[in-house]
Amino acid sequence: MSDERTYPAGVPCWVDTEQPDVDAARDFYASLFGWTFFDAIPADAPGTYLIASLDGATVAAIGPSQGDAPVEWNTYIAVDDADASAAAVRAAGGTIALDPVDAGPGGRLAACVDPRGARFRLWQPRRRPGVQLANAPGSWNFSDLHTTDATAATAFYAPLFGWEFDDVGFATLIRRPGYGDHLAATVDPGIRERQDAISAPPGFADAIAWLAPLTGGQDHWHVSFTVASRDDSAATAEKLGAVVLSSEDTQWTKSALIRDPQGAQLTLSQFTPPAN
């Protein structure tokens, strides 16, 4: 068993946000989630890229906005070869907004746009495999693909990343077959027993994302973070200058959609499984 969390190809592995005022974003997320930061860019080099940590484990990053790019949270999908995967994205009808480029010693990335306009990124890991803490309060929970055309989205992403899409009744689950086995063999040996105890949907150990229907607007990838209390975290976010756009209670979660002070949207999600 390994203590380092690693990600097979086809599994979302990293999230970051690029904001006009990096220092203000750092202060907001430090206060909201308890994150601490260090700059991955050497002091004698230009630029900044703040790696966020929680209890000593990396959870996300904040960088500066690039030109007129929208302020949002970005989802990175692990690949074995960023150049080959970028070529496959093009061949499948997507576009490449940023050609594959080395991101220091951490890895190699590319920025992509799917045929319906949803932006995502590819990450070929080297020293930095991805987030080292997930699904704990203050860390990344899931990324969701919000799309106006689920059939077209499935046709694009499934062959690219080996994904399977399962209708589990209340939502559509995106799975990367074999991921549960990988987790059980590395950082989460009790994953299946724990999920069985809460009657999780079949195949949930392989879950890597959700597909959410979108009735209008631009297709996009959306990021959720786990919180201990949806109401307390939403109230804190408002005090820090965010806007609470909506809230929802479901069988499994209590969530709030917020817009941070510089415009990036994210969801605060409290896990509230049904009692057996």
Protein backbone atom coordinates (compact mmCIF):
# COMPACT_ATOMS: atom_id res chain seq x y z
CA MET A 1 0.00 0.00 0.00
CA SER A 2 1.24 3.49 -0.87
CA ASP A 3 0.83 6.64 1.24
CA GLU A 4 0.92 8.85 -1.86
CA ARG A 5 -2.35 9.38 -3.68
CA THR A 6 -1.86 8.69 -7.38
CA TYR A 7 -4.27 8.80 -10.30
CA PRO A 8 -4.60 6.36 -13.21
CA ALA A 9 -5.06 7.84 -16.66
CA GLY A 10 -8.61 9.10 -17.13
CA VAL A 11 -9.18 10.13 -13.52
CA PRO A 12 -9.56 13.83 -12.55
CA CYS A 13 -6.54 14.57 -10.38
CA TRP A 14 -6.12 18.30 -9.72
CA VAL A 15 -8.06 21.55 -9.44
CA ASP A 16 -6.93 25.15 -9.52
CA THR A 17 -8.30 28.62 -10.09
CA GLU A 18 -6.72 31.56 -11.89
CA GLN A 19 -7.75 34.91 -10.44
CA PRO A 20 -6.97 38.59 -11.12
CA ASP A 21 -5.85 39.19 -7.51
CA VAL A 22 -4.01 36.11 -6.30
CA ASP A 23 -3.38 37.52 -2.83
CA ALA A 24 -7.08 38.29 -2.31
CA ALA A 25 -8.01 34.81 -3.50
CA ARG A 26 -5.47 33.29 -1.13
CA ASP A 27 -6.95 35.20 1.80
CA PHE A 28 -10.51 34.19 0.87
CA TYR A 29 -9.82 30.47 0.58
CA ALA A 30 -7.51 30.42 3.60
CA SER A 31 -10.35 31.83 5.68
CA LEU A 32 -13.05 29.65 4.10
CA PHE A 33 -11.30 26.27 4.11
CA GLY A 34 -8.34 26.70 6.45
CA TRP A 35 -5.81 26.33 3.64
CA THR A 36 -2.15 27.28 3.94
CA PHE A 37 -0.05 28.10 0.88
CA PHE A 38 3.43 27.95 -0.57
CA ASP A 39 4.59 29.30 -3.93
CA ALA A 40 5.70 26.58 -6.33
CA ILE A 41 7.53 29.16 -8.46
CA PRO A 42 11.10 29.79 -7.25
CA ALA A 43 11.73 33.22 -5.76
CA ASP A 44 14.20 34.11 -8.53
CA ALA A 45 11.71 33.23 -11.31
CA PRO A 46 8.79 35.31 -12.63
CA GLY A 47 5.19 34.50 -11.79
CA THR A 48 3.42 32.78 -8.92
CA TYR A 49 1.50 29.55 -8.42
CA LEU A 50 0.24 29.05 -4.89
CA ILE A 51 -0.17 25.42 -3.81
CA ALA A 52 -2.86 25.08 -1.15
CA SER A 53 -2.47 22.54 1.65
CA LEU A 54 -4.72 21.31 4.43
CA ASP A 55 -3.21 19.44 7.38
CA GLY A 56 0.00 19.14 5.39
CA ALA A 57 -1.62 17.60 2.28
CA THR A 58 -1.95 19.43 -1.04
CA VAL A 59 -5.55 20.14 -2.04
CA ALA A 60 -5.64 22.77 -4.83
CA ALA A 61 -3.81 25.78 -6.25
CA ILE A 62 -4.31 29.45 -7.14
CA GLY A 63 -2.59 31.20 -10.02
CA PRO A 64 -2.89 34.54 -11.82
CA SER A 65 -5.48 35.11 -14.54
CA GLN A 66 -4.27 34.84 -18.10
CA GLY A 67 -5.54 37.59 -20.40
CA ASP A 68 -9.31 37.56 -20.78
CA ALA A 69 -9.75 34.01 -19.50
CA PRO A 70 -12.84 33.53 -17.33
CA VAL A 71 -12.37 33.35 -13.56
CA GLU A 72 -13.29 29.78 -12.71
CA TRP A 73 -12.14 26.55 -11.13
CA ASN A 74 -10.31 24.24 -13.52
CA THR A 75 -10.44 20.44 -13.50
CA TYR A 76 -7.38 18.46 -14.64
CA ILE A 77 -7.64 14.88 -15.92
CA ALA A 78 -4.65 12.56 -15.52
CA VAL A 79 -3.12 11.21 -18.74
CA ASP A 80 -0.05 9.16 -19.53
CA ASP A 81 1.02 11.42 -22.41
CA ALA A 82 -0.27 14.99 -22.63
CA ASP A 83 0.81 15.40 -26.26
CA ALA A 84 -0.91 12.22 -27.45
CA SER A 85 -4.03 13.00 -25.42
CA ALA A 86 -4.21 16.55 -26.79
CA ALA A 87 -4.02 15.12 -30.30
CA ALA A 88 -6.85 12.73 -29.41
CA VAL A 89 -8.96 15.63 -28.13
CA ARG A 90 -8.50 17.39 -31.49
CA ALA A 91 -9.34 14.24 -33.41
CA ALA A 92 -12.55 13.83 -31.38
CA GLY A 93 -13.73 17.35 -32.24
CA GLY A 94 -12.39 19.31 -29.28
CA THR A 95 -9.96 22.21 -29.42
CA ILE A 96 -6.70 22.94 -27.64
CA ALA A 97 -6.58 26.34 -25.93
CA LEU A 98 -3.04 25.77 -24.68
CA ASP A 99 -0.72 23.32 -26.41
CA PRO A 100 1.06 20.83 -24.14
CA VAL A 101 3.71 22.54 -22.07
CA ASP A 102 5.91 21.59 -19.14
CA ALA A 103 4.75 23.01 -15.80
CA GLY A 104 8.13 22.93 -14.12
CA PRO A 105 9.15 19.57 -12.65
CA GLY A 106 5.58 18.87 -11.50
CA GLY A 107 4.26 17.65 -14.83
CA ARG A 108 3.06 18.58 -18.30
CA LEU A 109 -0.31 20.16 -19.03
CA ALA A 110 -2.62 21.13 -21.86
CA ALA A 111 -5.81 23.21 -21.80
CA CYS A 112 -8.72 21.81 -23.81
CA VAL A 113 -12.27 22.70 -24.81
CA ASP A 114 -14.82 20.02 -25.63
CA PRO A 115 -17.13 20.34 -28.67
CA ARG A 116 -19.84 22.06 -26.59
CA GLY A 117 -17.48 24.58 -25.02
CA ALA A 118 -16.66 22.99 -21.65
CA ARG A 119 -13.07 23.76 -20.65
CA PHE A 120 -10.89 21.11 -19.00
CA ARG A 121 -7.21 20.37 -18.68
CA LEU A 122 -4.89 17.42 -19.15
CA TRP A 123 -2.20 16.59 -16.61
CA GLN A 124 0.73 14.27 -17.25
CA PRO A 125 2.19 13.88 -13.77
CA ARG A 126 5.85 13.86 -12.89
CA ARG A 127 6.68 15.05 -9.40
CA ARG A 128 3.13 16.20 -8.63
CA PRO A 129 0.57 13.41 -9.15
CA GLY A 130 -2.44 15.41 -7.99
CA VAL A 131 -4.29 16.35 -4.82
CA GLN A 132 -3.23 14.38 -1.76
CA LEU A 133 -6.40 14.91 0.27
CA ALA A 134 -9.93 14.61 -1.07
CA ASN A 135 -13.48 14.22 0.28
CA ALA A 136 -12.53 15.63 3.68
CA PRO A 137 -13.89 18.98 4.91
CA GLY A 138 -11.98 21.75 3.16
CA SER A 139 -10.87 19.57 0.23
CA TRP A 140 -12.02 18.73 -3.27
CA ASN A 141 -15.10 16.52 -3.43
CA PHE A 142 -16.04 16.01 -7.10
CA SER A 143 -16.03 17.74 -10.43
CA ASP A 144 -19.28 17.66 -12.41
CA LEU A 145 -19.79 18.02 -16.15
CA HIS A 146 -22.80 20.27 -16.75
CA THR A 147 -23.99 19.67 -20.30
CA THR A 148 -26.92 20.43 -22.57
CA ASP A 149 -26.32 17.21 -24.54
CA ALA A 150 -25.55 14.15 -22.43
CA THR A 151 -25.43 11.87 -25.46
CA ALA A 152 -22.85 14.00 -27.24
CA ALA A 153 -20.81 14.40 -24.05
CA THR A 154 -20.73 10.65 -23.55
CA ALA A 155 -19.64 10.11 -27.16
CA PHE A 156 -16.77 12.58 -26.72
CA TYR A 157 -15.39 11.68 -23.29
CA ALA A 158 -15.95 7.91 -23.10
CA PRO A 159 -13.41 6.87 -25.76
CA LEU A 160 -10.94 9.59 -24.76
CA PHE A 161 -10.65 8.58 -21.11
CA GLY A 162 -12.25 5.15 -20.85
CA TRP A 163 -15.24 6.50 -18.95
CA GLU A 164 -18.55 4.75 -18.40
CA PHE A 165 -21.77 6.66 -17.69
CA ASP A 166 -24.32 5.07 -15.32
CA ASP A 167 -27.82 6.31 -14.60
CA VAL A 168 -28.17 5.66 -10.85
CA GLY A 169 -31.67 7.09 -10.61
CA PHE A 170 -31.03 10.42 -8.97
CA ALA A 171 -28.10 11.36 -11.24
CA THR A 172 -25.66 10.10 -13.86
CA LEU A 173 -22.42 8.74 -12.44
CA ILE A 174 -19.21 8.87 -14.46
CA ARG A 175 -16.92 5.93 -13.68
CA ARG A 176 -13.37 4.99 -14.63
CA PRO A 177 -13.42 1.18 -14.37
CA GLY A 178 -10.59 -0.09 -12.18
CA TYR A 179 -10.22 3.08 -10.13
CA GLY A 180 -11.75 1.46 -7.07
CA ASP A 181 -9.20 -1.35 -7.31
CA HIS A 182 -6.44 1.25 -7.55
CA LEU A 183 -7.69 3.07 -4.44
CA ALA A 184 -8.06 -0.18 -2.49
CA ALA A 185 -4.49 -1.14 -3.36
CA THR A 186 -3.01 2.26 -2.48
CA VAL A 187 -4.52 4.88 -0.16
CA ASP A 188 -7.98 3.51 0.68
CA PRO A 189 -7.98 -0.23 1.44
CA GLY A 190 -11.41 -0.12 3.09
CA ILE A 191 -13.21 1.78 0.33
CA ARG A 192 -15.67 -0.93 -0.64
CA GLU A 193 -16.60 -1.92 2.90
CA ARG A 194 -17.17 1.72 3.81
CA GLN A 195 -19.35 2.32 0.76
CA ASP A 196 -21.32 -0.89 1.35
CA ALA A 197 -22.08 0.34 4.88
CA ILE A 198 -23.91 3.37 3.49
CA SER A 199 -25.54 1.53 0.56
CA ALA A 200 -23.66 3.50 -2.06
CA PRO A 201 -24.76 2.93 -5.68
CA PRO A 202 -23.21 -0.08 -7.48
CA GLY A 203 -19.83 0.79 -8.97
CA PHE A 204 -19.38 3.86 -6.81
CA ALA A 205 -15.81 2.88 -5.94
CA ASP A 206 -14.95 3.71 -9.56
CA ALA A 207 -16.72 7.11 -9.43
CA ILE A 208 -14.67 9.99 -10.81
CA ALA A 209 -17.32 12.63 -11.67
CA TRP A 210 -21.01 13.32 -12.19
CA LEU A 211 -22.87 14.40 -15.30
CA ALA A 212 -25.47 17.07 -14.64
CA PRO A 213 -28.14 18.16 -17.16
CA LEU A 214 -28.01 21.80 -18.22
CA THR A 215 -31.13 23.39 -19.67
CA GLY A 216 -29.40 26.46 -21.06
CA GLY A 217 -26.13 28.33 -21.14
CA GLN A 218 -22.59 27.14 -21.73
CA ASP A 219 -21.46 23.60 -21.01
CA HIS A 220 -18.86 23.62 -18.26
CA TRP A 221 -16.97 21.66 -15.64
CA HIS A 222 -17.91 22.58 -12.09
CA VAL A 223 -15.99 21.90 -8.87
CA SER A 224 -17.41 20.94 -5.44
CA PHE A 225 -15.60 21.07 -2.12
CA THR A 226 -16.54 19.06 0.96
CA VAL A 227 -17.53 20.98 4.07
CA ALA A 228 -18.52 19.86 7.55
CA SER A 229 -21.55 22.18 7.59
CA ARG A 230 -23.12 23.64 4.46
CA ASP A 231 -24.89 26.38 6.40
CA ASP A 232 -21.85 27.45 8.43
CA SER A 233 -19.55 27.44 5.40
CA ALA A 234 -22.03 29.38 3.26
CA ALA A 235 -22.39 31.98 6.01
CA THR A 236 -18.61 32.28 6.27
CA ALA A 237 -18.31 32.65 2.51
CA GLU A 238 -20.84 35.50 2.54
CA LYS A 239 -18.96 37.29 5.32
CA LEU A 240 -15.81 37.02 3.21
CA GLY A 241 -17.48 38.65 0.20
CA ALA A 242 -18.87 35.67 -1.73
CA VAL A 243 -22.45 35.43 -3.00
CA VAL A 244 -24.62 32.41 -2.22
CA LEU A 245 -26.45 31.73 -5.48
CA SER A 246 -28.58 28.75 -4.42
CA SER A 247 -28.82 25.87 -1.97
CA GLU A 248 -30.19 22.34 -2.23
CA ASP A 249 -30.91 19.42 0.08
CA THR A 250 -30.87 15.91 -1.42
CA GLN A 251 -30.91 12.38 -0.08
CA TRP A 252 -27.10 12.39 0.12
CA THR A 253 -25.95 16.01 0.45
CA LYS A 254 -26.69 19.53 1.57
CA SER A 255 -25.07 21.93 -0.87
CA ALA A 256 -24.70 25.60 -1.65
CA LEU A 257 -23.62 27.11 -4.96
CA ILE A 258 -21.47 30.18 -4.33
CA ARG A 259 -19.60 32.76 -6.40
CA ASP A 260 -16.32 33.83 -4.83
CA PRO A 261 -15.40 37.54 -4.61
CA GLN A 262 -13.64 37.49 -8.00
CA GLY A 263 -16.31 35.54 -9.85
CA ALA A 264 -15.39 31.84 -9.72
CA GLN A 265 -18.33 29.54 -8.95
CA LEU A 266 -18.02 26.46 -6.76
CA THR A 267 -20.23 24.25 -4.63
CA LEU A 268 -19.95 23.65 -0.90
CA SER A 269 -21.13 20.10 -0.24
CA GLN A 270 -21.97 18.50 3.12
CA PHE A 271 -22.28 14.71 2.99
CA THR A 272 -25.53 13.60 4.66
CA PRO A 273 -26.09 9.93 3.75
CA PRO A 274 -29.46 8.36 4.51
CA ALA A 275 -29.70 6.32 7.70
CA ASN A 276 -29.81 2.60 7.06
